Amino acid sequence: MENPVIILGAQTVGIAALDAFLSNDVVVYCLLDDDTKLQNTEVFDVPVMGNTDDKELLKLLGKKCEVFVATEDTASRRSLTTMLHDEYEVVPVNAIHQRASVSPHAWLGHGNQVGANAVVAGTAKIGNGCLIGANAVVDAKAELGDYSQLSAGAILNAGVVVGEQVFIGAGVVVVAGVKIGNKARVGAGSVVVADIPANQTVFGNPAVKV
């Protein structure tokens, strides 16, 4: 990546994204965050400079700077990504840690974060704006829908299909071929052996509705 990156979000997701970019020797120009307590501070010697809608800084996007959306909230990530596309005609780049293993035969959309030691296998499909934590695994022919989160150490086995805006907690195992509906939530450490309908929250081994 030739251009420096501006990261929108300086909290947990932003720090992980910054670490991913720095691991690849990508220059991060600054972070932006709406929390005034974080502004005028630094993360890994990179300044937090202002709000996520700072037009003076965002006008650098495109020819001079790339952008990554790293806000914690899914709705915020979606709205900021839409704003960047509509007002600045840019799409967020991917933040893939140098120690992650992403197959050249996997399909990735825009604005995804892939943490250290995570694995995205060949023929896996990742949508847009997804967060894949450290040590997580997306196996062959598995799919992760737009703006979904796969937390640290979670495993999607072969052929799993995860909808949009799904949250999968740390250490979850989803067995091969299972389908998870949009906006479902899976509690940490669960083992998912059956399909989960949209909007449902499940937990346990085997995972059941909460």
Foldseek 3Di string as FASTA:
>chain_A
DPAAEEEEDDPDQNLQLVQLCVLVVHHHQAYEDAPPVQAQDDRPNHHHHYHSVPVVVLQCPDPHYAYAYRDPDLVVSVVSQVCCCPPVVHGHAEREHPQEAEDPQEAEEHREYAGHPEYEEHCEYEYHQEYHEHLEYEEHLEYAEASEYHYANEYEYAQEYEYYCEYEAHNEYEDHNEYEEANEYEDHNEYDDHHHYHNFYWYHDPTDTD
